[in-house]
Amino acid sequence: MALGTVRIPRAVKADGKPLAAGSYQVRLTPEESKPDAVGASEKLERWVEFVQKGSVKGREVVSIVPQAEIKLVQKDTPPATNGSKVQMLKGNDYMRVWINKGGNHYLIHLVPA
């Protein structure tokens, strides 16, 4: 499932591998993150792919947060419905890609390269 297109402003690492700066289509896969988190009751950790010109350039785990729970997880203003935002956080220690689509929020955390 396509979540949207995001622009990564600088090189990062996705799943420990380099991902160049640029625009990517973010695609949710059916593959669940393993191992399951202790106490997790739903399958809210999955893999996303970063796609450019039809080719997968990287992948990373995404945390899926239902709309009703986002205020419990994030204090920032969320992106508009069907929108996204990309931010450097915590003293430039990581980059967050936040996508708001279909009643869920998708949070991806990448490490600068």
PDB file of N, CA and C in Angstrom:
ATOM      1  N   MET A   1       0.843  -1.181   0.000  1.00  0.00           N
ATOM      2  CA  MET A   1       0.000   0.000   0.000  1.00  0.00           C
ATOM      3  C   MET A   1       0.891   1.247   0.000  1.00  0.00           C
ATOM      4  N   ALA A   2       0.639   2.142  -0.933  1.00  0.00           N
ATOM      5  CA  ALA A   2       1.394   3.394  -1.004  1.00  0.00           C
ATOM      6  C   ALA A   2       0.909   4.344   0.088  1.00  0.00           C
ATOM      7  N   LEU A   3       1.861   4.854   0.888  1.00  0.00           N
ATOM      8  CA  LEU A   3       1.516   5.793   1.960  1.00  0.00           C
ATOM      9  C   LEU A   3       1.659   7.236   1.508  1.00  0.00           C
ATOM     10  N   GLY A   4       2.495   7.488   0.523  1.00  0.00           N
ATOM     11  CA  GLY A   4       2.709   8.842   0.034  1.00  0.00           C
ATOM     12  C   GLY A   4       4.146   9.032  -0.410  1.00  0.00           C
ATOM     13  N   THR A   5       4.433  10.242  -0.836  1.00  0.00           N
ATOM     14  CA  THR A   5       5.781  10.595  -1.278  1.00  0.00           C
ATOM     15  C   THR A   5       6.379  11.565  -0.277  1.00  0.00           C
ATOM     16  N   VAL A   6       7.636  11.315   0.103  1.00  0.00           N
ATOM     17  CA  VAL A   6       8.340  12.186   1.037  1.00  0.00           C
ATOM     18  C   VAL A   6       9.680  12.585   0.432  1.00  0.00           C
ATOM     19  N   ARG A   7      10.183  13.725   0.889  1.00  0.00           N
ATOM     20  CA  ARG A   7      11.507  14.194   0.475  1.00  0.00           C
ATOM     21  C   ARG A   7      12.440  14.071   1.672  1.00  0.00           C
ATOM     22  N   ILE A   8      13.456  13.247   1.526  1.00  0.00           N
ATOM     23  CA  ILE A   8      14.482  13.079   2.556  1.00  0.00           C
ATOM     24  C   ILE A   8      15.573  14.103   2.234  1.00  0.00           C
ATOM     25  N   PRO A   9      15.783  15.114   3.100  1.00  0.00           N
ATOM     26  CA  PRO A   9      16.672  16.227   2.766  1.00  0.00           C
ATOM     27  C   PRO A   9      18.168  15.926   2.854  1.00  0.00           C
ATOM     28  N   ARG A  10      18.531  14.817   3.497  1.00  0.00           N
ATOM     29  CA  ARG A  10      19.951  14.477   3.602  1.00  0.00           C
ATOM     30  C   ARG A  10      20.107  12.972   3.689  1.00  0.00           C
ATOM     31  N   ALA A  11      21.317  12.493   3.458  1.00  0.00           N
ATOM     32  CA  ALA A  11      21.576  11.059   3.498  1.00  0.00           C
ATOM     33  C   ALA A  11      21.307  10.508   4.896  1.00  0.00           C
ATOM     34  N   VAL A  12      20.677   9.342   4.940  1.00  0.00           N
ATOM     35  CA  VAL A  12      20.355   8.667   6.189  1.00  0.00           C
ATOM     36  C   VAL A  12      20.658   7.177   6.022  1.00  0.00           C
ATOM     37  N   LYS A  13      20.420   6.427   7.093  1.00  0.00           N
ATOM     38  CA  LYS A  13      20.518   4.980   7.028  1.00  0.00           C
ATOM     39  C   LYS A  13      19.138   4.402   7.277  1.00  0.00           C
ATOM     40  N   ALA A  14      18.747   3.475   6.414  1.00  0.00           N
ATOM     41  CA  ALA A  14      17.485   2.757   6.554  1.00  0.00           C
ATOM     42  C   ALA A  14      17.839   1.280   6.675  1.00  0.00           C
ATOM     43  N   ASP A  15      17.444   0.653   7.763  1.00  0.00           N
ATOM     44  CA  ASP A  15      17.789  -0.736   8.049  1.00  0.00           C
ATOM     45  C   ASP A  15      19.309  -0.928   8.023  1.00  0.00           C
ATOM     46  N   GLY A  16      20.037   0.100   8.494  1.00  0.00           N
ATOM     47  CA  GLY A  16      21.489   0.026   8.589  1.00  0.00           C
ATOM     48  C   GLY A  16      22.234   0.243   7.285  1.00  0.00           C
ATOM     49  N   LYS A  17      21.492   0.523   6.206  1.00  0.00           N
ATOM     50  CA  LYS A  17      22.111   0.714   4.898  1.00  0.00           C
ATOM     51  C   LYS A  17      21.898   2.151   4.430  1.00  0.00           C
ATOM     52  N   PRO A  18      22.817   2.694   3.624  1.00  0.00           N
ATOM     53  CA  PRO A  18      22.690   4.085   3.170  1.00  0.00           C
ATOM     54  C   PRO A  18      21.438   4.316   2.313  1.00  0.00           C
ATOM     55  N   LEU A  19      20.813   5.464   2.543  1.00  0.00           N
ATOM     56  CA  LEU A  19      19.681   5.922   1.728  1.00  0.00           C
ATOM     57  C   LEU A  19      19.980   7.376   1.385  1.00  0.00           C
ATOM     58  N   ALA A  20      20.168   7.654   0.110  1.00  0.00           N
ATOM     59  CA  ALA A  20      20.552   8.989  -0.343  1.00  0.00           C
ATOM     60  C   ALA A  20      19.415   9.988  -0.163  1.00  0.00           C
ATOM     61  N   ALA A  21      19.783  11.261  -0.063  1.00  0.00           N
ATOM     62  CA  ALA A  21      18.778  12.329  -0.038  1.00  0.00           C
ATOM     63  C   ALA A  21      17.985  12.264  -1.340  1.00  0.00           C
ATOM     64  N   GLY A  22      16.705  12.623  -1.278  1.00  0.00           N
ATOM     65  CA  GLY A  22      15.876  12.631  -2.480  1.00  0.00           C
ATOM     66  C   GLY A  22      14.425  12.388  -2.145  1.00  0.00           C
ATOM     67  N   SER A  23      13.603  12.314  -3.181  1.00  0.00           N
ATOM     68  CA  SER A  23      12.170  12.056  -3.027  1.00  0.00           C
ATOM     69  C   SER A  23      11.904  10.570  -3.213  1.00  0.00           C
ATOM     70  N   TYR A  24      11.063  10.033  -2.341  1.00  0.00           N
ATOM     71  CA  TYR A  24      10.748   8.611  -2.357  1.00  0.00           C
ATOM     72  C   TYR A  24       9.259   8.394  -2.171  1.00  0.00           C
ATOM     73  N   GLN A  25       8.740   7.392  -2.859  1.00  0.00           N
ATOM     74  CA  GLN A  25       7.403   6.908  -2.544  1.00  0.00           C
ATOM     75  C   GLN A  25       7.597   5.935  -1.384  1.00  0.00           C
ATOM     76  N   VAL A  26       6.775   6.064  -0.339  1.00  0.00           N
ATOM     77  CA  VAL A  26       6.853   5.168   0.812  1.00  0.00           C
ATOM     78  C   VAL A  26       5.717   4.156   0.683  1.00  0.00           C
ATOM     79  N   ARG A  27       6.093   2.888   0.712  1.00  0.00           N
ATOM     80  CA  ARG A  27       5.147   1.795   0.503  1.00  0.00           C
ATOM     81  C   ARG A  27       5.139   0.879   1.728  1.00  0.00           C
ATOM     82  N   LEU A  28       3.955   0.661   2.304  1.00  0.00           N
ATOM     83  CA  LEU A  28       3.784  -0.247   3.438  1.00  0.00           C
ATOM     84  C   LEU A  28       3.750  -1.679   2.926  1.00  0.00           C
ATOM     85  N   THR A  29       4.533  -2.562   3.549  1.00  0.00           N
ATOM     86  CA  THR A  29       4.527  -3.969   3.157  1.00  0.00           C
ATOM     87  C   THR A  29       3.688  -4.769   4.159  1.00  0.00           C
ATOM     88  N   PRO A  30       3.297  -5.968   3.801  1.00  0.00           N
ATOM     89  CA  PRO A  30       2.566  -6.815   4.752  1.00  0.00           C
ATOM     90  C   PRO A  30       3.492  -7.475   5.782  1.00  0.00           C
ATOM     91  N   GLU A  31       4.820  -7.333   5.585  1.00  0.00           N
ATOM     92  CA  GLU A  31       5.790  -7.983   6.458  1.00  0.00           C
ATOM     93  C   GLU A  31       5.846  -7.323   7.830  1.00  0.00           C
ATOM     94  N   GLU A  32       5.616  -8.115   8.868  1.00  0.00           N
ATOM     95  CA  GLU A  32       5.658  -7.614  10.241  1.00  0.00           C
ATOM     96  C   GLU A  32       7.090  -7.605  10.744  1.00  0.00           C
ATOM     97  N   SER A  33       7.376  -6.670  11.639  1.00  0.00           N
ATOM     98  CA  SER A  33       8.684  -6.597  12.269  1.00  0.00           C
ATOM     99  C   SER A  33       8.811  -7.750  13.260  1.00  0.00           C
ATOM    100  N   LYS A  34       9.948  -8.367  13.296  1.00  0.00           N
ATOM    101  CA  LYS A  34      10.211  -9.463  14.231  1.00  0.00           C
ATOM    102  C   LYS A  34      11.460  -9.123  15.016  1.00  0.00           C
ATOM    103  N   PRO A  35      11.653  -9.529  16.234  1.00  0.00           N
ATOM    104  CA  PRO A  35      10.670 -10.253  17.030  1.00  0.00           C
ATOM    105  C   PRO A  35       9.578  -9.328  17.544  1.00  0.00           C
ATOM    106  N   ASP A  36       8.454  -9.907  17.895  1.00  0.00           N
ATOM    107  CA  ASP A  36       7.340  -9.119  18.424  1.00  0.00           C
ATOM    108  C   ASP A  36       7.749  -8.441  19.730  1.00  0.00           C
ATOM    109  N   ALA A  37       7.287  -7.245  19.931  1.00  0.00           N
ATOM    110  CA  ALA A  37       7.564  -6.521  21.173  1.00  0.00           C
ATOM    111  C   ALA A  37       6.793  -7.168  22.318  1.00  0.00           C
ATOM    112  N   VAL A  38       7.405  -7.242  23.476  1.00  0.00           N
ATOM    113  CA  VAL A  38       6.748  -7.813  24.652  1.00  0.00           C
ATOM    114  C   VAL A  38       5.529  -6.964  24.995  1.00  0.00           C
ATOM    115  N   GLY A  39       4.392  -7.600  25.163  1.00  0.00           N
ATOM    116  CA  GLY A  39       3.177  -6.894  25.539  1.00  0.00           C
ATOM    117  C   GLY A  39       2.395  -6.323  24.364  1.00  0.00           C
ATOM    118  N   ALA A  40       2.917  -6.438  23.159  1.00  0.00           N
ATOM    119  CA  ALA A  40       2.202  -5.910  21.993  1.00  0.00           C
ATOM    120  C   ALA A  40       0.975  -6.760  21.729  1.00  0.00           C
ATOM    121  N   SER A  41      -0.160  -6.102  21.508  1.00  0.00           N
ATOM    122  CA  SER A  41      -1.391  -6.848  21.274  1.00  0.00           C
ATOM    123  C   SER A  41      -1.844  -6.780  19.821  1.00  0.00           C
ATOM    124  N   GLU A  42      -1.291  -5.848  19.058  1.00  0.00           N
ATOM    125  CA  GLU A  42      -1.660  -5.704  17.658  1.00  0.00           C
ATOM    126  C   GLU A  42      -0.405  -5.666  16.809  1.00  0.00           C
ATOM    127  N   LYS A  43      -0.562  -5.914  15.531  1.00  0.00           N
ATOM    128  CA  LYS A  43       0.556  -5.914  14.596  1.00  0.00           C
ATOM    129  C   LYS A  43       0.765  -4.487  14.084  1.00  0.00           C
ATOM    130  N   LEU A  44       1.400  -3.663  14.921  1.00  0.00           N
ATOM    131  CA  LEU A  44       1.569  -2.246  14.598  1.00  0.00           C
ATOM    132  C   LEU A  44       3.007  -1.894  14.254  1.00  0.00           C
ATOM    133  N   GLU A  45       3.859  -2.873  14.089  1.00  0.00           N
ATOM    134  CA  GLU A  45       5.235  -2.659  13.633  1.00  0.00           C
ATOM    135  C   GLU A  45       5.391  -3.454  12.343  1.00  0.00           C
ATOM    136  N   ARG A  46       5.575  -2.734  11.237  1.00  0.00           N
ATOM    137  CA  ARG A  46       5.709  -3.383   9.927  1.00  0.00           C
ATOM    138  C   ARG A  46       6.891  -2.771   9.199  1.00  0.00           C
ATOM    139  N   TRP A  47       7.173  -3.252   8.021  1.00  0.00           N
ATOM    140  CA  TRP A  47       8.248  -2.717   7.191  1.00  0.00           C
ATOM    141  C   TRP A  47       7.652  -1.812   6.116  1.00  0.00           C
ATOM    142  N   VAL A  48       8.359  -0.720   5.817  1.00  0.00           N
ATOM    143  CA  VAL A  48       8.039   0.119   4.667  1.00  0.00           C
ATOM    144  C   VAL A  48       9.228   0.091   3.724  1.00  0.00           C
ATOM    145  N   GLU A  49       8.951   0.364   2.464  1.00  0.00           N
ATOM    146  CA  GLU A  49       9.996   0.462   1.449  1.00  0.00           C
ATOM    147  C   GLU A  49      10.054   1.889   0.936  1.00  0.00           C
ATOM    148  N   PHE A  50      11.258   2.364   0.661  1.00  0.00           N
ATOM    149  CA  PHE A  50      11.479   3.659   0.030  1.00  0.00           C
ATOM    150  C   PHE A  50      11.770   3.378  -1.435  1.00  0.00           C
ATOM    151  N   VAL A  51      10.884   3.861  -2.320  1.00  0.00           N
ATOM    152  CA  VAL A  51      10.939   3.516  -3.736  1.00  0.00           C
ATOM    153  C   VAL A  51      11.220   4.766  -4.573  1.00  0.00           C
ATOM    154  N   GLN A  52      12.158   4.638  -5.525  1.00  0.00           N
ATOM    155  CA  GLN A  52      12.461   5.684  -6.506  1.00  0.00           C
ATOM    156  C   GLN A  52      12.450   5.056  -7.885  1.00  0.00           C
ATOM    157  N   LYS A  53      11.696   5.649  -8.801  1.00  0.00           N
ATOM    158  CA  LYS A  53      11.626   5.176 -10.190  1.00  0.00           C
ATOM    159  C   LYS A  53      11.366   3.680 -10.269  1.00  0.00           C
ATOM    160  N   GLY A  54      10.454   3.194  -9.416  1.00  0.00           N
ATOM    161  CA  GLY A  54      10.047   1.798  -9.443  1.00  0.00           C
ATOM    162  C   GLY A  54      10.998   0.825  -8.765  1.00  0.00           C
ATOM    163  N   SER A  55      12.093   1.315  -8.217  1.00  0.00           N
ATOM    164  CA  SER A  55      13.094   0.454  -7.594  1.00  0.00           C
ATOM    165  C   SER A  55      13.172   0.726  -6.090  1.00  0.00           C
ATOM    166  N   VAL A  56      13.185  -0.348  -5.287  1.00  0.00           N
ATOM    167  CA  VAL A  56      13.297  -0.210  -3.836  1.00  0.00           C
ATOM    168  C   VAL A  56      14.729   0.186  -3.501  1.00  0.00           C
ATOM    169  N   LYS A  57      14.890   1.346  -2.862  1.00  0.00           N
ATOM    170  CA  LYS A  57      16.211   1.867  -2.507  1.00  0.00           C
ATOM    171  C   LYS A  57      16.561   1.613  -1.046  1.00  0.00           C
ATOM    172  N   GLY A  58      15.543   1.317  -0.215  1.00  0.00           N
ATOM    173  CA  GLY A  58      15.776   1.054   1.193  1.00  0.00           C
ATOM    174  C   GLY A  58      14.498   0.629   1.865  1.00  0.00           C
ATOM    175  N   ARG A  59      14.637   0.154   3.096  1.00  0.00           N
ATOM    176  CA  ARG A  59      13.464  -0.245   3.880  1.00  0.00           C
ATOM    177  C   ARG A  59      13.754  -0.003   5.352  1.00  0.00           C
ATOM    178  N   GLU A  60      12.678   0.185   6.105  1.00  0.00           N
ATOM    179  CA  GLU A  60      12.818   0.452   7.533  1.00  0.00           C
ATOM    180  C   GLU A  60      11.529   0.040   8.238  1.00  0.00           C
ATOM    181  N   VAL A  61      11.617  -0.159   9.544  1.00  0.00           N
ATOM    182  CA  VAL A  61      10.437  -0.496  10.346  1.00  0.00           C
ATOM    183  C   VAL A  61       9.631   0.775  10.585  1.00  0.00           C
ATOM    184  N   VAL A  62       8.318   0.653  10.488  1.00  0.00           N
ATOM    185  CA  VAL A  62       7.402   1.757  10.753  1.00  0.00           C
ATOM    186  C   VAL A  62       6.537   1.388  11.951  1.00  0.00           C
ATOM    187  N   SER A  63       6.292   2.370  12.816  1.00  0.00           N
ATOM    188  CA  SER A  63       5.342   2.204  13.919  1.00  0.00           C
ATOM    189  C   SER A  63       4.014   2.793  13.466  1.00  0.00           C
ATOM    190  N   ILE A  64       2.964   2.010  13.562  1.00  0.00           N
ATOM    191  CA  ILE A  64       1.635   2.450  13.135  1.00  0.00           C
ATOM    192  C   ILE A  64       0.847   2.813  14.388  1.00  0.00           C
ATOM    193  N   VAL A  65       0.375   4.060  14.427  1.00  0.00           N
ATOM    194  CA  VAL A  65      -0.363   4.557  15.583  1.00  0.00           C
ATOM    195  C   VAL A  65      -1.758   4.988  15.127  1.00  0.00           C
ATOM    196  N   PRO A  66      -2.819   4.361  15.653  1.00  0.00           N
ATOM    197  CA  PRO A  66      -4.172   4.769  15.286  1.00  0.00           C
ATOM    198  C   PRO A  66      -4.437   6.233  15.664  1.00  0.00           C
ATOM    199  N   GLN A  67      -5.274   6.890  14.893  1.00  0.00           N
ATOM    200  CA  GLN A  67      -5.610   8.304  15.112  1.00  0.00           C
ATOM    201  C   GLN A  67      -6.000   8.582  16.558  1.00  0.00           C
ATOM    202  N   ALA A  68      -6.790   7.710  17.149  1.00  0.00           N
ATOM    203  CA  ALA A  68      -7.283   7.923  18.517  1.00  0.00           C
ATOM    204  C   ALA A  68      -6.169   7.889  19.560  1.00  0.00           C
ATOM    205  N   GLU A  69      -5.008   7.333  19.210  1.00  0.00           N
ATOM    206  CA  GLU A  69      -3.917   7.191  20.173  1.00  0.00           C
ATOM    207  C   GLU A  69      -2.734   8.114  19.917  1.00  0.00           C
ATOM    208  N   ILE A  70      -2.754   8.888  18.844  1.00  0.00           N
ATOM    209  CA  ILE A  70      -1.572   9.668  18.472  1.00  0.00           C
ATOM    210  C   ILE A  70      -1.184  10.681  19.547  1.00  0.00           C
ATOM    211  N   LYS A  71      -2.149  11.274  20.238  1.00  0.00           N
ATOM    212  CA  LYS A  71      -1.816  12.261  21.279  1.00  0.00           C
ATOM    213  C   LYS A  71      -1.124  11.620  22.479  1.00  0.00           C
ATOM    214  N   LEU A  72      -1.268  10.309  22.629  1.00  0.00           N
ATOM    215  CA  LEU A  72      -0.585   9.593  23.703  1.00  0.00           C
ATOM    216  C   LEU A  72       0.879   9.324  23.346  1.00  0.00           C
ATOM    217  N   VAL A  73       1.184   9.372  22.062  1.00  0.00           N
ATOM    218  CA  VAL A  73       2.519   9.013  21.565  1.00  0.00           C
ATOM    219  C   VAL A  73       3.344  10.230  21.174  1.00  0.00           C
ATOM    220  N   GLN A  74       2.723  11.202  20.509  1.00  0.00           N
ATOM    221  CA  GLN A  74       3.431  12.368  19.989  1.00  0.00           C
ATOM    222  C   GLN A  74       2.802  13.652  20.491  1.00  0.00           C
ATOM    223  N   LYS A  75       3.643  14.590  20.876  1.00  0.00           N
ATOM    224  CA  LYS A  75       3.159  15.902  21.332  1.00  0.00           C
ATOM    225  C   LYS A  75       3.144  16.925  20.199  1.00  0.00           C
ATOM    226  N   ASP A  76       3.919  16.669  19.138  1.00  0.00           N
ATOM    227  CA  ASP A  76       3.970  17.563  17.980  1.00  0.00           C
ATOM    228  C   ASP A  76       2.634  17.620  17.256  1.00  0.00           C
ATOM    229  N   THR A  77       2.437  18.682  16.495  1.00  0.00           N
ATOM    230  CA  THR A  77       1.271  18.785  15.628  1.00  0.00           C
ATOM    231  C   THR A  77       1.440  17.799  14.481  1.00  0.00           C
ATOM    232  N   PRO A  78       0.465  16.920  14.279  1.00  0.00           N
ATOM    233  CA  PRO A  78       0.603  15.932  13.203  1.00  0.00           C
ATOM    234  C   PRO A  78       0.448  16.572  11.825  1.00  0.00           C
ATOM    235  N   PRO A  79       0.946  15.892  10.804  1.00  0.00           N
ATOM    236  CA  PRO A  79       0.708  16.390   9.453  1.00  0.00           C
ATOM    237  C   PRO A  79      -0.786  16.299   9.124  1.00  0.00           C
ATOM    238  N   ALA A  80      -1.208  17.069   8.147  1.00  0.00           N
ATOM    239  CA  ALA A  80      -2.606  17.042   7.713  1.00  0.00           C
ATOM    240  C   ALA A  80      -2.958  15.645   7.199  1.00  0.00           C
ATOM    241  N   THR A  81      -4.246  15.332   7.167  1.00  0.00           N
ATOM    242  CA  THR A  81      -4.697  14.060   6.621  1.00  0.00           C
ATOM    243  C   THR A  81      -4.137  13.884   5.210  1.00  0.00           C
ATOM    244  N   ASN A  82      -3.611  12.698   4.941  1.00  0.00           N
ATOM    245  CA  ASN A  82      -2.952  12.350   3.676  1.00  0.00           C
ATOM    246  C   ASN A  82      -1.688  13.160   3.430  1.00  0.00           C
ATOM    247  N   GLY A  83      -1.135  13.745   4.490  1.00  0.00           N
ATOM    248  CA  GLY A  83       0.095  14.519   4.383  1.00  0.00           C
ATOM    249  C   GLY A  83       1.237  13.846   5.124  1.00  0.00           C
ATOM    250  N   SER A  84       2.383  14.507   5.068  1.00  0.00           N
ATOM    251  CA  SER A  84       3.558  13.974   5.758  1.00  0.00           C
ATOM    252  C   SER A  84       4.452  15.121   6.186  1.00  0.00           C
ATOM    253  N   LYS A  85       5.378  14.813   7.093  1.00  0.00           N
ATOM    254  CA  LYS A  85       6.423  15.759   7.428  1.00  0.00           C
ATOM    255  C   LYS A  85       7.677  14.977   7.802  1.00  0.00           C
ATOM    256  N   VAL A  86       8.819  15.587   7.496  1.00  0.00           N
ATOM    257  CA  VAL A  86      10.116  14.989   7.768  1.00  0.00           C
ATOM    258  C   VAL A  86      10.875  15.970   8.643  1.00  0.00           C
ATOM    259  N   GLN A  87      11.363  15.500   9.805  1.00  0.00           N
ATOM    260  CA  GLN A  87      12.017  16.389  10.770  1.00  0.00           C
ATOM    261  C   GLN A  87      13.261  15.743  11.351  1.00  0.00           C
ATOM    262  N   MET A  88      14.290  16.571  11.564  1.00  0.00           N
ATOM    263  CA  MET A  88      15.442  16.136  12.349  1.00  0.00           C
ATOM    264  C   MET A  88      15.072  16.359  13.810  1.00  0.00           C
ATOM    265  N   LEU A  89      15.351  15.368  14.654  1.00  0.00           N
ATOM    266  CA  LEU A  89      14.965  15.439  16.057  1.00  0.00           C
ATOM    267  C   LEU A  89      16.140  15.127  16.972  1.00  0.00           C
ATOM    268  N   LYS A  90      15.948  15.460  18.238  1.00  0.00           N
ATOM    269  CA  LYS A  90      16.871  15.125  19.324  1.00  0.00           C
ATOM    270  C   LYS A  90      18.318  15.475  18.989  1.00  0.00           C
ATOM    271  N   GLY A  91      18.565  16.767  18.783  1.00  0.00           N
ATOM    272  CA  GLY A  91      19.933  17.212  18.526  1.00  0.00           C
ATOM    273  C   GLY A  91      20.515  16.648  17.247  1.00  0.00           C
ATOM    274  N   ASN A  92      19.679  16.450  16.243  1.00  0.00           N
ATOM    275  CA  ASN A  92      20.085  15.882  14.955  1.00  0.00           C
ATOM    276  C   ASN A  92      20.543  14.433  15.058  1.00  0.00           C
ATOM    277  N   ASP A  93      20.066  13.719  16.079  1.00  0.00           N
ATOM    278  CA  ASP A  93      20.432  12.308  16.248  1.00  0.00           C
ATOM    279  C   ASP A  93      19.634  11.376  15.343  1.00  0.00           C
ATOM    280  N   TYR A  94      18.424  11.776  14.975  1.00  0.00           N
ATOM    281  CA  TYR A  94      17.647  10.957  14.051  1.00  0.00           C
ATOM    282  C   TYR A  94      16.632  11.805  13.296  1.00  0.00           C
ATOM    283  N   MET A  95      16.171  11.246  12.167  1.00  0.00           N
ATOM    284  CA  MET A  95      15.184  11.904  11.324  1.00  0.00           C
ATOM    285  C   MET A  95      13.876  11.119  11.422  1.00  0.00           C
ATOM    286  N   ARG A  96      12.782  11.857  11.665  1.00  0.00           N
ATOM    287  CA  ARG A  96      11.466  11.222  11.729  1.00  0.00           C
ATOM    288  C   ARG A  96      10.699  11.530  10.451  1.00  0.00           C
ATOM    289  N   VAL A  97      10.170  10.499   9.852  1.00  0.00           N
ATOM    290  CA  VAL A  97       9.234  10.634   8.734  1.00  0.00           C
ATOM    291  C   VAL A  97       7.871  10.282   9.316  1.00  0.00           C
ATOM    292  N   TRP A  98       6.935  11.230   9.236  1.00  0.00           N
ATOM    293  CA  TRP A  98       5.603  11.066   9.834  1.00  0.00           C
ATOM    294  C   TRP A  98       4.572  11.219   8.728  1.00  0.00           C
ATOM    295  N   ILE A  99       3.818  10.150   8.494  1.00  0.00           N
ATOM    296  CA  ILE A  99       2.788  10.140   7.449  1.00  0.00           C
ATOM    297  C   ILE A  99       1.434   9.906   8.117  1.00  0.00           C
ATOM    298  N   ASN A 100       0.442  10.704   7.736  1.00  0.00           N
ATOM    299  CA  ASN A 100      -0.918  10.607   8.263  1.00  0.00           C
ATOM    300  C   ASN A 100      -1.808  10.141   7.111  1.00  0.00           C
ATOM    301  N   LYS A 101      -2.254   8.881   7.176  1.00  0.00           N
ATOM    302  CA  LYS A 101      -3.059   8.354   6.070  1.00  0.00           C
ATOM    303  C   LYS A 101      -4.058   7.315   6.570  1.00  0.00           C
ATOM    304  N   GLY A 102      -5.274   7.412   6.084  1.00  0.00           N
ATOM    305  CA  GLY A 102      -6.290   6.398   6.336  1.00  0.00           C
ATOM    306  C   GLY A 102      -6.622   6.169   7.800  1.00  0.00           C
ATOM    307  N   GLY A 103      -6.581   7.221   8.620  1.00  0.00           N
ATOM    308  CA  GLY A 103      -6.928   7.075  10.030  1.00  0.00           C
ATOM    309  C   GLY A 103      -5.794   6.558  10.899  1.00  0.00           C
ATOM    310  N   ASN A 104      -4.595   6.417  10.326  1.00  0.00           N
ATOM    311  CA  ASN A 104      -3.421   5.977  11.078  1.00  0.00           C
ATOM    312  C   ASN A 104      -2.267   6.948  10.853  1.00  0.00           C
ATOM    313  N   HIS A 105      -1.364   6.951  11.811  1.00  0.00           N
ATOM    314  CA  HIS A 105      -0.127   7.722  11.701  1.00  0.00           C
ATOM    315  C   HIS A 105       1.007   6.718  11.573  1.00  0.00           C
ATOM    316  N   TYR A 106       1.896   6.955  10.639  1.00  0.00           N
ATOM    317  CA  TYR A 106       3.026   6.070  10.362  1.00  0.00           C
ATOM    318  C   TYR A 106       4.302   6.826  10.722  1.00  0.00           C
ATOM    319  N   LEU A 107       5.037   6.307  11.700  1.00  0.00           N
ATOM    320  CA  LEU A 107       6.252   6.961  12.195  1.00  0.00           C
ATOM    321  C   LEU A 107       7.467   6.105  11.843  1.00  0.00           C
ATOM    322  N   ILE A 108       8.365   6.700  11.078  1.00  0.00           N
ATOM    323  CA  ILE A 108       9.595   6.028  10.653  1.00  0.00           C
ATOM    324  C   ILE A 108      10.758   6.839  11.194  1.00  0.00           C
ATOM    325  N   HIS A 109      11.707   6.170  11.838  1.00  0.00           N
ATOM    326  CA  HIS A 109      12.872   6.864  12.404  1.00  0.00           C
ATOM    327  C   HIS A 109      14.138   6.386  11.701  1.00  0.00           C
ATOM    328  N   LEU A 110      14.871   7.339  11.140  1.00  0.00           N
ATOM    329  CA  LEU A 110      16.087   7.048  10.375  1.00  0.00           C
ATOM    330  C   LEU A 110      17.275   7.725  11.048  1.00  0.00           C
ATOM    331  N   VAL A 111      18.445   7.122  10.941  1.00  0.00           N
ATOM    332  CA  VAL A 111      19.664   7.657  11.523  1.00  0.00           C
ATOM    333  C   VAL A 111      20.442   8.390  10.427  1.00  0.00           C
ATOM    334  N   PRO A 112      20.942   9.599  10.705  1.00  0.00           N
ATOM    335  CA  PRO A 112      21.755  10.299   9.700  1.00  0.00           C
ATOM    336  C   PRO A 112      22.957   9.443   9.295  1.00  0.00           C
ATOM    337  N   ALA A 113      23.306   9.499   8.013  1.00  0.00           N
ATOM    338  CA  ALA A 113      24.443   8.714   7.499  1.00  0.00           C
ATOM    339  C   ALA A 113      25.759   9.402   7.832  1.00  0.00           C
TER     340      ALA A 113
END
